[in-house]
């Protein structure tokens, strides 16, 4: 095994219908984590009282 550090590989953001994952920067120990961002499944509409008959 060589003693030179591993080079950083560019990883594109992972995108799906409701979720996006983004790679974090490696820590001192070399751990690389991912950040997950969820998009809302549905839109919220402001409630209005119905008309009275």
C-alpha atoms as a PDB file:
ATOM      1  CA  UNK A   1       0.000   0.000   0.000  1.00  0.00           C
ATOM      2  CA  UNK A   2       1.193   3.475  -0.772  1.00  0.00           C
ATOM      3  CA  UNK A   3       1.387   6.164   1.901  1.00  0.00           C
ATOM      4  CA  UNK A   4       0.151   9.026  -0.292  1.00  0.00           C
ATOM      5  CA  UNK A   5      -3.277  10.481   0.581  1.00  0.00           C
ATOM      6  CA  UNK A   6      -6.271   9.593  -1.542  1.00  0.00           C
ATOM      7  CA  UNK A   7      -7.407  12.256  -3.968  1.00  0.00           C
ATOM      8  CA  UNK A   8     -10.823  13.827  -3.611  1.00  0.00           C
ATOM      9  CA  UNK A   9     -13.344  12.540  -6.104  1.00  0.00           C
ATOM     10  CA  UNK A  10     -16.099  14.850  -7.276  1.00  0.00           C
ATOM     11  CA  UNK A  11     -19.440  13.214  -6.646  1.00  0.00           C
ATOM     12  CA  UNK A  12     -22.530  14.831  -8.208  1.00  0.00           C
ATOM     13  CA  UNK A  13     -25.592  15.591  -6.112  1.00  0.00           C
ATOM     14  CA  UNK A  14     -28.045  12.714  -6.008  1.00  0.00           C
ATOM     15  CA  UNK A  15     -31.517  13.821  -7.057  1.00  0.00           C
ATOM     16  CA  UNK A  16     -34.767  11.908  -6.906  1.00  0.00           C
ATOM     17  CA  UNK A  17     -38.401  12.951  -6.897  1.00  0.00           C
ATOM     18  CA  UNK A  18     -38.579  14.137  -3.274  1.00  0.00           C
ATOM     19  CA  UNK A  19     -34.980  13.941  -2.018  1.00  0.00           C
ATOM     20  CA  UNK A  20     -31.566  15.447  -2.755  1.00  0.00           C
ATOM     21  CA  UNK A  21     -28.309  14.109  -1.285  1.00  0.00           C
ATOM     22  CA  UNK A  22     -25.125  16.156  -1.163  1.00  0.00           C
ATOM     23  CA  UNK A  23     -21.652  14.964  -0.145  1.00  0.00           C
ATOM     24  CA  UNK A  24     -20.044  16.603   2.898  1.00  0.00           C
ATOM     25  CA  UNK A  25     -16.358  17.395   3.299  1.00  0.00           C
ATOM     26  CA  UNK A  26     -14.241  14.588   4.815  1.00  0.00           C
ATOM     27  CA  UNK A  27     -13.206  14.850   8.472  1.00  0.00           C
ATOM     28  CA  UNK A  28      -9.668  14.448   9.844  1.00  0.00           C
ATOM     29  CA  UNK A  29     -10.186  10.693  10.090  1.00  0.00           C
ATOM     30  CA  UNK A  30     -11.359  10.474   6.488  1.00  0.00           C
ATOM     31  CA  UNK A  31     -15.068   9.912   7.176  1.00  0.00           C
ATOM     32  CA  UNK A  32     -17.243  11.281   4.375  1.00  0.00           C
ATOM     33  CA  UNK A  33     -20.908  11.851   5.171  1.00  0.00           C
ATOM     34  CA  UNK A  34     -23.910  12.843   3.119  1.00  0.00           C
ATOM     35  CA  UNK A  35     -26.536  15.515   3.724  1.00  0.00           C
ATOM     36  CA  UNK A  36     -30.111  14.562   2.798  1.00  0.00           C
ATOM     37  CA  UNK A  37     -32.684  17.255   1.963  1.00  0.00           C
ATOM     38  CA  UNK A  38     -36.345  16.243   1.672  1.00  0.00           C
ATOM     39  CA  UNK A  39     -38.812  18.124  -0.513  1.00  0.00           C
ATOM     40  CA  UNK A  40     -42.447  18.397   0.606  1.00  0.00           C
ATOM     41  CA  UNK A  41     -44.785  15.703  -0.723  1.00  0.00           C
ATOM     42  CA  UNK A  42     -47.766  18.029  -1.111  1.00  0.00           C
ATOM     43  CA  UNK A  43     -48.582  21.712  -1.018  1.00  0.00           C
ATOM     44  CA  UNK A  44     -50.309  23.302   1.943  1.00  0.00           C
ATOM     45  CA  UNK A  45     -53.253  25.547   1.162  1.00  0.00           C
ATOM     46  CA  UNK A  46     -54.534  28.163   3.585  1.00  0.00           C
ATOM     47  CA  UNK A  47     -57.860  27.129   5.112  1.00  0.00           C
ATOM     48  CA  UNK A  48     -60.917  29.209   4.225  1.00  0.00           C
ATOM     49  CA  UNK A  49     -64.293  28.751   5.869  1.00  0.00           C
ATOM     50  CA  UNK A  50     -66.930  27.435   3.500  1.00  0.00           C
ATOM     51  CA  UNK A  51     -69.867  29.561   2.432  1.00  0.00           C
ATOM     52  CA  UNK A  52     -73.009  29.175   4.513  1.00  0.00           C
ATOM     53  CA  UNK A  53     -76.035  27.942   2.563  1.00  0.00           C
END
